[in-house]
């Protein structure tokens, strides 16, 4: 995702980061720029649109499974390809952003990431005391620079963990990490 402008707002909790991000995005959209606001949950997206954005003269479009169903990334990709050159704000979740392979006309978009991506798990948070659990787990994931990433080895199948067809309670905790694409993993290396 080269040529994307990425904005970061670093401040303590309840300092007004979301409000600041939305105001920046609204200003950009008023001037004909395109803004993508990435938030952790669809509930936060809906709340932000309702409470922070307000009436606008430009489109404000959420892309999450509450609106798009299971085809969020495909719909978002299609939107990037078909959108015109006027200003707009698009909202999506961290999960969708991390699965997005490319953005059409990336130089026109500024990405505002609200909250740290929470699908990454710090090594210090992992407690896998059983040897069998650790072997199974380490087959599907890699630990790099203090972050847990989808595994790339010959026995790694993080996509199976991401699907979690058996509804395994342990795998559910790691579904977000397992679903992160290689492209998104490189963003944090």
N, C-alpha and C. Protein backbone atom coordinates (compact mmCIF):
# COMPACT_ATOMS: atom_id res chain seq x y z
N UNK A 1 0.84 -1.18 0.00
CA UNK A 1 0.00 0.00 0.00
C UNK A 1 0.88 1.24 0.00
N UNK A 2 1.70 1.33 -1.01
CA UNK A 2 2.58 2.48 -1.14
C UNK A 2 1.78 3.74 -1.46
N UNK A 3 2.35 4.88 -1.17
CA UNK A 3 1.79 6.19 -1.45
C UNK A 3 0.58 6.56 -0.61
N UNK A 4 0.25 5.77 0.40
CA UNK A 4 -0.83 6.16 1.30
C UNK A 4 -0.28 7.16 2.30
N UNK A 5 -1.04 8.19 2.57
CA UNK A 5 -0.69 9.11 3.65
C UNK A 5 -1.33 8.56 4.90
N UNK A 6 -0.55 8.33 5.94
CA UNK A 6 -1.08 7.76 7.16
C UNK A 6 -0.94 8.76 8.29
N UNK A 7 -2.06 9.08 8.94
CA UNK A 7 -2.07 10.01 10.04
C UNK A 7 -2.11 9.29 11.37
N UNK A 8 -1.40 9.78 12.34
CA UNK A 8 -1.37 9.17 13.66
C UNK A 8 -1.66 10.24 14.70
N UNK A 9 -2.54 9.93 15.61
CA UNK A 9 -2.86 10.84 16.70
C UNK A 9 -2.50 10.13 18.00
N UNK A 10 -1.43 10.58 18.64
CA UNK A 10 -0.94 9.93 19.84
C UNK A 10 -1.28 10.78 21.06
N UNK A 11 -2.16 10.27 21.91
CA UNK A 11 -2.58 11.01 23.10
C UNK A 11 -3.14 10.02 24.12
N UNK A 12 -3.20 10.43 25.39
CA UNK A 12 -3.76 9.54 26.41
C UNK A 12 -5.24 9.24 26.17
N UNK A 13 -5.75 8.21 26.85
CA UNK A 13 -7.17 7.86 26.76
C UNK A 13 -8.04 9.04 27.12
N UNK A 14 -9.14 9.19 26.42
CA UNK A 14 -10.14 10.25 26.64
C UNK A 14 -9.61 11.65 26.37
N UNK A 15 -8.56 11.77 25.57
CA UNK A 15 -7.99 13.08 25.26
C UNK A 15 -8.63 13.69 24.02
N UNK A 16 -9.52 12.96 23.35
CA UNK A 16 -10.19 13.50 22.18
C UNK A 16 -9.56 13.09 20.86
N UNK A 17 -8.86 11.96 20.84
CA UNK A 17 -8.20 11.50 19.61
C UNK A 17 -9.20 11.29 18.48
N UNK A 18 -10.29 10.59 18.77
CA UNK A 18 -11.27 10.30 17.72
C UNK A 18 -11.85 11.59 17.18
N UNK A 19 -12.17 12.52 18.04
CA UNK A 19 -12.70 13.82 17.61
C UNK A 19 -11.69 14.53 16.71
N UNK A 20 -10.42 14.53 17.10
CA UNK A 20 -9.37 15.18 16.31
C UNK A 20 -9.22 14.52 14.93
N UNK A 21 -9.26 13.18 14.91
CA UNK A 21 -9.14 12.45 13.65
C UNK A 21 -10.32 12.79 12.73
N UNK A 22 -11.52 12.79 13.27
CA UNK A 22 -12.71 13.08 12.47
C UNK A 22 -12.64 14.51 11.93
N UNK A 23 -12.23 15.45 12.74
CA UNK A 23 -12.13 16.85 12.27
C UNK A 23 -11.11 16.97 11.14
N UNK A 24 -9.96 16.29 11.26
CA UNK A 24 -8.96 16.29 10.19
C UNK A 24 -9.55 15.69 8.91
N UNK A 25 -10.24 14.58 9.05
CA UNK A 25 -10.83 13.90 7.89
C UNK A 25 -11.91 14.78 7.24
N UNK A 26 -12.73 15.43 8.06
CA UNK A 26 -13.77 16.30 7.51
C UNK A 26 -13.15 17.46 6.74
N UNK A 27 -12.11 18.05 7.29
CA UNK A 27 -11.42 19.14 6.58
C UNK A 27 -10.86 18.65 5.26
N UNK A 28 -10.25 17.47 5.27
CA UNK A 28 -9.69 16.91 4.03
C UNK A 28 -10.80 16.69 3.00
N UNK A 29 -11.92 16.11 3.43
CA UNK A 29 -13.02 15.83 2.51
C UNK A 29 -13.63 17.11 1.94
N UNK A 30 -13.70 18.16 2.76
CA UNK A 30 -14.22 19.45 2.27
C UNK A 30 -13.37 19.99 1.14
N UNK A 31 -12.08 19.69 1.16
CA UNK A 31 -11.15 20.16 0.13
C UNK A 31 -10.98 19.14 -1.01
N UNK A 32 -11.88 18.17 -1.06
CA UNK A 32 -11.85 17.23 -2.16
C UNK A 32 -10.92 16.04 -1.98
N UNK A 33 -10.40 15.88 -0.78
CA UNK A 33 -9.51 14.73 -0.50
C UNK A 33 -10.33 13.56 0.01
N UNK A 34 -9.72 12.42 0.00
CA UNK A 34 -10.37 11.20 0.46
C UNK A 34 -9.73 10.76 1.77
N UNK A 35 -10.57 10.46 2.75
CA UNK A 35 -10.09 10.06 4.07
C UNK A 35 -10.64 8.68 4.41
N UNK A 36 -9.77 7.83 4.92
CA UNK A 36 -10.16 6.50 5.39
C UNK A 36 -9.87 6.47 6.89
N UNK A 37 -10.91 6.31 7.69
CA UNK A 37 -10.75 6.21 9.14
C UNK A 37 -10.89 4.75 9.52
N UNK A 38 -9.88 4.23 10.20
CA UNK A 38 -9.82 2.81 10.55
C UNK A 38 -9.97 2.71 12.07
N UNK A 39 -11.02 2.00 12.51
CA UNK A 39 -11.30 1.85 13.93
C UNK A 39 -11.44 0.37 14.28
N UNK A 40 -11.28 0.02 15.56
CA UNK A 40 -11.26 -1.39 15.94
C UNK A 40 -12.58 -2.14 15.75
N UNK A 41 -13.72 -1.50 15.94
CA UNK A 41 -14.98 -2.25 15.92
C UNK A 41 -16.04 -1.52 15.10
N UNK A 42 -16.99 -2.29 14.62
CA UNK A 42 -18.11 -1.69 13.88
C UNK A 42 -18.96 -0.84 14.80
N UNK A 43 -19.05 -1.20 16.08
CA UNK A 43 -19.82 -0.39 17.03
C UNK A 43 -19.20 1.00 17.17
N UNK A 44 -17.86 1.06 17.24
CA UNK A 44 -17.19 2.36 17.36
C UNK A 44 -17.38 3.17 16.08
N UNK A 45 -17.33 2.52 14.93
CA UNK A 45 -17.56 3.22 13.67
C UNK A 45 -18.95 3.85 13.66
N UNK A 46 -19.95 3.06 13.98
CA UNK A 46 -21.33 3.58 13.98
C UNK A 46 -21.49 4.72 14.98
N UNK A 47 -20.90 4.57 16.15
CA UNK A 47 -20.97 5.61 17.19
C UNK A 47 -20.25 6.88 16.73
N UNK A 48 -19.11 6.73 16.10
CA UNK A 48 -18.34 7.89 15.63
C UNK A 48 -19.11 8.63 14.54
N UNK A 49 -19.69 7.90 13.59
CA UNK A 49 -20.46 8.55 12.53
C UNK A 49 -21.65 9.30 13.13
N UNK A 50 -22.34 8.67 14.06
CA UNK A 50 -23.51 9.28 14.68
C UNK A 50 -23.15 10.49 15.53
N UNK A 51 -22.12 10.37 16.37
CA UNK A 51 -21.83 11.42 17.36
C UNK A 51 -20.77 12.43 16.95
N UNK A 52 -19.90 12.08 16.01
CA UNK A 52 -18.79 12.98 15.68
C UNK A 52 -18.88 13.61 14.29
N UNK A 53 -19.38 12.88 13.30
CA UNK A 53 -19.33 13.38 11.93
C UNK A 53 -20.40 14.43 11.68
N UNK A 54 -21.64 14.12 12.01
CA UNK A 54 -22.72 15.07 11.76
C UNK A 54 -23.02 15.23 10.29
N UNK A 55 -23.91 16.18 9.95
CA UNK A 55 -24.28 16.40 8.55
C UNK A 55 -23.08 16.91 7.74
N UNK A 56 -22.96 16.41 6.52
CA UNK A 56 -21.85 16.83 5.66
C UNK A 56 -22.35 17.05 4.24
N UNK A 57 -21.54 17.73 3.45
CA UNK A 57 -21.85 17.93 2.03
C UNK A 57 -21.15 16.89 1.17
N UNK A 58 -20.47 15.95 1.79
CA UNK A 58 -19.72 14.91 1.09
C UNK A 58 -20.14 13.55 1.66
N UNK A 59 -19.91 12.49 0.91
CA UNK A 59 -20.32 11.15 1.38
C UNK A 59 -19.50 10.67 2.57
N UNK A 60 -20.19 9.97 3.47
CA UNK A 60 -19.56 9.30 4.61
C UNK A 60 -20.08 7.86 4.56
N UNK A 61 -19.16 6.91 4.34
CA UNK A 61 -19.58 5.54 4.08
C UNK A 61 -18.87 4.56 5.01
N UNK A 62 -19.63 3.79 5.79
CA UNK A 62 -19.02 2.74 6.61
C UNK A 62 -18.90 1.44 5.81
N UNK A 63 -17.79 0.74 6.00
CA UNK A 63 -17.60 -0.59 5.42
C UNK A 63 -17.25 -1.52 6.57
N UNK A 64 -18.25 -2.27 7.04
CA UNK A 64 -18.05 -3.30 8.06
C UNK A 64 -19.12 -4.35 7.86
N UNK A 65 -19.00 -5.48 8.57
CA UNK A 65 -19.93 -6.58 8.30
C UNK A 65 -21.37 -6.29 8.70
N UNK A 66 -21.62 -5.25 9.47
CA UNK A 66 -22.98 -4.85 9.78
C UNK A 66 -23.66 -4.19 8.59
N UNK A 67 -22.85 -3.69 7.64
CA UNK A 67 -23.36 -3.02 6.45
C UNK A 67 -23.15 -3.89 5.21
N UNK A 68 -21.99 -4.52 5.11
CA UNK A 68 -21.60 -5.26 3.90
C UNK A 68 -21.73 -6.77 4.03
N UNK A 69 -22.07 -7.27 5.18
CA UNK A 69 -22.08 -8.71 5.37
C UNK A 69 -20.65 -9.25 5.39
N UNK A 70 -20.47 -10.43 4.82
CA UNK A 70 -19.15 -11.08 4.85
C UNK A 70 -18.20 -10.56 3.78
N UNK A 71 -18.65 -9.70 2.89
CA UNK A 71 -17.83 -9.25 1.77
C UNK A 71 -17.25 -7.85 1.98
N UNK A 72 -16.86 -7.53 3.19
CA UNK A 72 -16.39 -6.19 3.51
C UNK A 72 -15.19 -5.80 2.66
N UNK A 73 -14.17 -6.64 2.63
CA UNK A 73 -12.94 -6.29 1.90
C UNK A 73 -13.21 -6.17 0.41
N UNK A 74 -13.99 -7.09 -0.15
CA UNK A 74 -14.31 -7.01 -1.59
C UNK A 74 -15.08 -5.73 -1.90
N UNK A 75 -16.06 -5.38 -1.05
CA UNK A 75 -16.83 -4.15 -1.26
C UNK A 75 -15.96 -2.91 -1.11
N UNK A 76 -15.08 -2.93 -0.13
CA UNK A 76 -14.18 -1.80 0.08
C UNK A 76 -13.23 -1.65 -1.11
N UNK A 77 -12.66 -2.74 -1.58
CA UNK A 77 -11.77 -2.70 -2.75
C UNK A 77 -12.51 -2.15 -3.96
N UNK A 78 -13.72 -2.63 -4.18
CA UNK A 78 -14.53 -2.16 -5.31
C UNK A 78 -14.80 -0.66 -5.18
N UNK A 79 -15.09 -0.21 -3.96
CA UNK A 79 -15.33 1.22 -3.73
C UNK A 79 -14.09 2.03 -4.10
N UNK A 80 -12.92 1.57 -3.70
CA UNK A 80 -11.68 2.28 -4.03
C UNK A 80 -11.50 2.39 -5.55
N UNK A 81 -11.88 1.37 -6.26
CA UNK A 81 -11.73 1.37 -7.73
C UNK A 81 -12.76 2.24 -8.42
N UNK A 82 -13.97 2.35 -7.86
CA UNK A 82 -15.07 3.01 -8.55
C UNK A 82 -15.35 4.43 -8.07
N UNK A 83 -14.74 4.84 -6.98
CA UNK A 83 -15.06 6.16 -6.43
C UNK A 83 -14.58 7.27 -7.35
N UNK A 84 -15.29 8.38 -7.33
CA UNK A 84 -14.88 9.51 -8.16
C UNK A 84 -13.80 10.33 -7.47
N UNK A 85 -13.51 11.49 -7.98
CA UNK A 85 -12.40 12.29 -7.44
C UNK A 85 -12.84 13.29 -6.38
N UNK A 86 -14.10 13.27 -5.97
CA UNK A 86 -14.55 14.23 -4.95
C UNK A 86 -14.21 13.75 -3.54
N UNK A 87 -14.30 14.66 -2.59
CA UNK A 87 -13.98 14.34 -1.21
C UNK A 87 -14.98 13.40 -0.57
N UNK A 88 -14.49 12.60 0.35
CA UNK A 88 -15.36 11.66 1.07
C UNK A 88 -14.62 11.14 2.29
N UNK A 89 -15.39 10.56 3.21
CA UNK A 89 -14.82 9.84 4.35
C UNK A 89 -15.36 8.41 4.30
N UNK A 90 -14.45 7.46 4.38
CA UNK A 90 -14.80 6.05 4.44
C UNK A 90 -14.33 5.53 5.79
N UNK A 91 -15.16 4.75 6.43
CA UNK A 91 -14.81 4.10 7.69
C UNK A 91 -14.70 2.60 7.46
N UNK A 92 -13.73 1.97 8.09
CA UNK A 92 -13.65 0.52 8.11
C UNK A 92 -12.98 0.06 9.40
N UNK A 93 -13.00 -1.24 9.61
CA UNK A 93 -12.42 -1.80 10.83
C UNK A 93 -10.95 -2.15 10.63
N UNK A 94 -10.26 -2.33 11.73
CA UNK A 94 -8.87 -2.79 11.67
C UNK A 94 -8.78 -4.09 10.89
N UNK A 95 -9.69 -5.02 11.19
CA UNK A 95 -9.65 -6.34 10.54
C UNK A 95 -9.75 -6.20 9.02
N UNK A 96 -10.65 -5.36 8.53
CA UNK A 96 -10.78 -5.17 7.08
C UNK A 96 -9.54 -4.51 6.50
N UNK A 97 -9.02 -3.51 7.17
CA UNK A 97 -7.82 -2.81 6.68
C UNK A 97 -6.64 -3.76 6.56
N UNK A 98 -6.49 -4.64 7.52
CA UNK A 98 -5.37 -5.57 7.51
C UNK A 98 -5.50 -6.64 6.42
N UNK A 99 -6.70 -6.85 5.94
CA UNK A 99 -6.91 -7.83 4.87
C UNK A 99 -6.91 -7.18 3.48
N UNK A 100 -6.92 -5.86 3.44
CA UNK A 100 -6.98 -5.13 2.19
C UNK A 100 -5.65 -5.24 1.46
N UNK A 101 -5.68 -5.68 0.22
CA UNK A 101 -4.44 -5.89 -0.52
C UNK A 101 -3.92 -4.63 -1.17
N UNK A 102 -4.79 -3.78 -1.69
CA UNK A 102 -4.32 -2.54 -2.27
C UNK A 102 -5.44 -1.51 -2.26
N UNK A 103 -5.03 -0.27 -2.49
CA UNK A 103 -5.96 0.85 -2.54
C UNK A 103 -5.76 1.51 -3.89
N UNK A 104 -6.83 1.59 -4.69
CA UNK A 104 -6.77 2.25 -5.98
C UNK A 104 -6.51 3.74 -5.78
N UNK A 105 -5.61 4.31 -6.53
CA UNK A 105 -5.23 5.73 -6.43
C UNK A 105 -4.85 6.09 -4.99
N UNK A 106 -3.86 5.39 -4.41
CA UNK A 106 -3.54 5.60 -3.00
C UNK A 106 -3.10 7.02 -2.66
N UNK A 107 -2.53 7.75 -3.60
CA UNK A 107 -2.08 9.11 -3.33
C UNK A 107 -3.21 10.07 -2.99
N UNK A 108 -4.43 9.69 -3.33
CA UNK A 108 -5.59 10.55 -3.02
C UNK A 108 -6.13 10.30 -1.63
N UNK A 109 -5.69 9.25 -0.96
CA UNK A 109 -6.27 8.85 0.32
C UNK A 109 -5.33 9.17 1.47
N UNK A 110 -5.91 9.64 2.56
CA UNK A 110 -5.20 9.75 3.83
C UNK A 110 -5.87 8.78 4.79
N UNK A 111 -5.07 7.95 5.43
CA UNK A 111 -5.57 6.95 6.36
C UNK A 111 -5.35 7.44 7.79
N UNK A 112 -6.41 7.43 8.57
CA UNK A 112 -6.35 7.80 9.98
C UNK A 112 -6.64 6.54 10.79
N UNK A 113 -5.69 6.09 11.56
CA UNK A 113 -5.87 4.87 12.35
C UNK A 113 -6.19 5.27 13.78
N UNK A 114 -7.40 4.94 14.19
CA UNK A 114 -7.89 5.27 15.53
C UNK A 114 -7.69 4.03 16.41
N UNK A 115 -6.84 4.12 17.35
CA UNK A 115 -6.47 3.04 18.26
C UNK A 115 -5.42 2.13 17.61
N UNK A 116 -4.61 1.54 18.44
CA UNK A 116 -3.57 0.62 17.99
C UNK A 116 -4.25 -0.66 17.51
N UNK A 117 -3.71 -1.24 16.45
CA UNK A 117 -4.25 -2.51 15.97
C UNK A 117 -4.20 -3.51 17.09
N UNK A 118 -5.33 -4.07 17.47
CA UNK A 118 -5.37 -4.97 18.62
C UNK A 118 -5.29 -6.44 18.23
N UNK A 119 -5.16 -6.77 16.94
CA UNK A 119 -5.04 -8.16 16.55
C UNK A 119 -3.61 -8.66 16.68
N UNK A 120 -2.70 -7.78 17.03
CA UNK A 120 -1.34 -8.21 17.30
C UNK A 120 -1.23 -8.49 18.79
N UNK A 121 -0.56 -9.54 19.14
CA UNK A 121 -0.45 -9.95 20.53
C UNK A 121 1.01 -9.87 20.94
N UNK A 122 1.30 -9.19 22.01
CA UNK A 122 2.67 -9.10 22.50
C UNK A 122 3.12 -10.45 23.05
N UNK A 123 4.39 -10.77 22.85
CA UNK A 123 4.94 -12.04 23.34
C UNK A 123 4.72 -12.17 24.84
N UNK A 124 4.86 -11.09 25.58
CA UNK A 124 4.74 -11.16 27.03
C UNK A 124 3.34 -11.61 27.45
N UNK A 125 2.34 -11.43 26.59
CA UNK A 125 0.98 -11.79 26.94
C UNK A 125 0.69 -13.26 26.69
N UNK A 126 1.59 -13.97 26.03
CA UNK A 126 1.35 -15.37 25.71
C UNK A 126 1.79 -16.26 26.87
N UNK A 127 0.89 -17.09 27.31
CA UNK A 127 1.21 -18.07 28.35
C UNK A 127 0.75 -19.43 27.83
N UNK A 128 1.69 -20.19 27.30
CA UNK A 128 1.38 -21.50 26.73
C UNK A 128 2.18 -22.55 27.48
N UNK A 129 1.71 -22.95 28.67
CA UNK A 129 2.51 -23.82 29.52
C UNK A 129 2.63 -25.25 29.03
N UNK A 130 1.64 -25.77 28.35
CA UNK A 130 1.68 -27.17 27.91
C UNK A 130 2.56 -27.31 26.68
N UNK A 131 3.52 -28.22 26.67
CA UNK A 131 4.39 -28.40 25.51
C UNK A 131 3.61 -28.70 24.23
N UNK A 132 2.56 -29.52 24.30
CA UNK A 132 1.79 -29.84 23.10
C UNK A 132 1.07 -28.60 22.57
N UNK A 133 0.54 -27.78 23.47
CA UNK A 133 -0.13 -26.55 23.05
C UNK A 133 0.86 -25.63 22.36
N UNK A 134 2.06 -25.49 22.93
CA UNK A 134 3.06 -24.61 22.33
C UNK A 134 3.47 -25.10 20.95
N UNK A 135 3.69 -26.42 20.79
CA UNK A 135 4.08 -26.96 19.48
C UNK A 135 3.00 -26.69 18.44
N UNK A 136 1.75 -26.94 18.80
CA UNK A 136 0.64 -26.71 17.86
C UNK A 136 0.55 -25.22 17.53
N UNK A 137 0.64 -24.39 18.55
CA UNK A 137 0.53 -22.96 18.37
C UNK A 137 1.68 -22.43 17.50
N UNK A 138 2.90 -22.84 17.81
CA UNK A 138 4.07 -22.29 17.09
C UNK A 138 4.13 -22.79 15.65
N UNK A 139 3.41 -23.83 15.33
CA UNK A 139 3.35 -24.28 13.93
C UNK A 139 2.59 -23.26 13.08
N UNK A 140 1.58 -22.60 13.64
CA UNK A 140 0.72 -21.69 12.89
C UNK A 140 1.10 -20.21 13.00
N UNK A 141 1.98 -19.89 13.95
CA UNK A 141 2.33 -18.48 14.18
C UNK A 141 3.83 -18.31 14.31
N UNK A 142 4.30 -17.09 14.00
CA UNK A 142 5.70 -16.72 14.18
C UNK A 142 5.76 -15.59 15.20
N UNK A 143 6.82 -15.56 15.97
CA UNK A 143 7.04 -14.47 16.91
C UNK A 143 8.19 -13.63 16.35
N UNK A 144 7.93 -12.34 16.09
CA UNK A 144 8.93 -11.46 15.52
C UNK A 144 8.90 -10.12 16.25
N UNK A 145 10.05 -9.70 16.72
CA UNK A 145 10.19 -8.38 17.34
C UNK A 145 9.09 -8.08 18.35
N UNK A 146 8.74 -9.07 19.15
CA UNK A 146 7.75 -8.86 20.19
C UNK A 146 6.31 -8.94 19.71
N UNK A 147 6.09 -9.30 18.45
CA UNK A 147 4.72 -9.39 17.91
C UNK A 147 4.43 -10.80 17.44
N UNK A 148 3.19 -11.19 17.55
CA UNK A 148 2.73 -12.47 17.05
C UNK A 148 2.18 -12.25 15.64
N UNK A 149 2.71 -13.00 14.66
CA UNK A 149 2.30 -12.86 13.27
C UNK A 149 1.88 -14.21 12.71
N UNK A 150 1.10 -14.24 11.64
CA UNK A 150 0.74 -15.50 11.02
C UNK A 150 2.01 -16.26 10.61
N UNK A 151 2.01 -17.57 10.80
CA UNK A 151 3.17 -18.38 10.46
C UNK A 151 3.38 -18.50 8.97
N UNK A 152 4.63 -18.71 8.58
CA UNK A 152 4.97 -18.82 7.16
C UNK A 152 5.68 -20.13 6.84
N UNK A 153 5.91 -20.95 7.85
CA UNK A 153 6.62 -22.21 7.64
C UNK A 153 5.77 -23.22 6.89
N UNK A 154 6.41 -24.36 6.49
CA UNK A 154 5.71 -25.36 5.69
C UNK A 154 4.49 -25.98 6.39
N UNK A 155 4.48 -26.07 7.70
CA UNK A 155 3.35 -26.65 8.41
C UNK A 155 2.35 -25.62 8.90
N UNK A 156 2.61 -24.35 8.59
CA UNK A 156 1.74 -23.28 9.08
C UNK A 156 0.47 -23.18 8.24
N UNK A 157 -0.64 -23.12 8.92
CA UNK A 157 -1.93 -22.93 8.25
C UNK A 157 -2.77 -21.95 9.07
N UNK A 158 -2.29 -20.68 9.17
CA UNK A 158 -3.06 -19.72 9.97
C UNK A 158 -4.46 -19.48 9.42
N UNK A 159 -4.66 -19.75 8.12
CA UNK A 159 -6.00 -19.57 7.56
C UNK A 159 -7.01 -20.53 8.20
N UNK A 160 -6.56 -21.71 8.63
CA UNK A 160 -7.45 -22.65 9.31
C UNK A 160 -7.82 -22.11 10.69
N UNK A 161 -6.86 -21.50 11.35
CA UNK A 161 -7.14 -20.88 12.65
C UNK A 161 -8.11 -19.72 12.44
N UNK A 162 -7.89 -18.93 11.39
CA UNK A 162 -8.76 -17.78 11.11
C UNK A 162 -10.20 -18.21 10.85
N UNK A 163 -10.38 -19.31 10.13
CA UNK A 163 -11.73 -19.81 9.86
C UNK A 163 -12.35 -20.42 11.11
N UNK A 164 -11.54 -21.13 11.90
CA UNK A 164 -11.99 -21.73 13.16
C UNK A 164 -13.32 -22.47 12.98
N UNK A 165 -13.35 -23.34 11.99
CA UNK A 165 -14.59 -24.05 11.68
C UNK A 165 -15.11 -24.89 12.84
N UNK A 166 -14.21 -25.38 13.71
CA UNK A 166 -14.64 -26.16 14.85
C UNK A 166 -15.04 -25.32 16.05
N UNK A 167 -14.99 -24.00 15.89
CA UNK A 167 -15.34 -23.06 16.96
C UNK A 167 -14.55 -23.32 18.24
N UNK A 168 -13.27 -23.59 18.08
CA UNK A 168 -12.38 -23.84 19.20
C UNK A 168 -12.19 -22.55 19.99
N UNK A 169 -12.37 -22.59 21.30
CA UNK A 169 -12.30 -21.39 22.14
C UNK A 169 -10.89 -20.79 22.16
N UNK A 170 -9.86 -21.63 22.13
CA UNK A 170 -8.49 -21.11 22.12
C UNK A 170 -8.19 -20.43 20.79
N UNK A 171 -8.55 -21.09 19.67
CA UNK A 171 -8.28 -20.48 18.37
C UNK A 171 -9.04 -19.18 18.20
N UNK A 172 -10.22 -19.05 18.82
CA UNK A 172 -11.01 -17.82 18.69
C UNK A 172 -10.20 -16.61 19.15
N UNK A 173 -9.40 -16.79 20.19
CA UNK A 173 -8.58 -15.70 20.71
C UNK A 173 -7.60 -15.20 19.64
N UNK A 174 -7.13 -16.12 18.79
CA UNK A 174 -6.08 -15.79 17.82
C UNK A 174 -6.59 -15.67 16.39
N UNK A 175 -7.89 -15.68 16.17
CA UNK A 175 -8.44 -15.60 14.82
C UNK A 175 -8.00 -14.32 14.11
N UNK A 176 -8.04 -13.20 14.80
CA UNK A 176 -7.66 -11.93 14.18
C UNK A 176 -6.22 -11.95 13.72
N UNK A 177 -5.32 -12.46 14.56
CA UNK A 177 -3.91 -12.54 14.19
C UNK A 177 -3.75 -13.47 13.00
N UNK A 178 -4.43 -14.60 13.03
CA UNK A 178 -4.28 -15.60 11.97
C UNK A 178 -4.77 -15.07 10.63
N UNK A 179 -5.72 -14.17 10.64
CA UNK A 179 -6.31 -13.68 9.40
C UNK A 179 -5.52 -12.54 8.77
N UNK A 180 -4.55 -12.02 9.46
CA UNK A 180 -3.78 -10.89 8.93
C UNK A 180 -2.98 -11.35 7.72
N UNK A 181 -3.09 -10.61 6.63
CA UNK A 181 -2.36 -10.97 5.41
C UNK A 181 -0.88 -10.69 5.55
N UNK A 182 -0.07 -11.30 4.68
CA UNK A 182 1.36 -11.05 4.68
C UNK A 182 1.65 -9.56 4.45
N UNK A 183 0.87 -8.93 3.58
CA UNK A 183 1.07 -7.50 3.28
C UNK A 183 0.91 -6.68 4.55
N UNK A 184 -0.14 -6.96 5.33
CA UNK A 184 -0.36 -6.21 6.57
C UNK A 184 0.76 -6.50 7.57
N UNK A 185 1.21 -7.75 7.62
CA UNK A 185 2.30 -8.08 8.52
C UNK A 185 3.54 -7.27 8.23
N UNK A 186 3.80 -6.99 6.95
CA UNK A 186 4.99 -6.21 6.58
C UNK A 186 4.86 -4.75 7.01
N UNK A 187 3.63 -4.25 7.19
CA UNK A 187 3.46 -2.87 7.65
C UNK A 187 4.13 -2.63 8.98
N UNK A 188 4.22 -3.69 9.80
CA UNK A 188 4.70 -3.53 11.16
C UNK A 188 6.12 -4.07 11.34
N UNK A 189 6.78 -4.41 10.25
CA UNK A 189 8.15 -4.92 10.37
C UNK A 189 9.15 -3.80 10.20
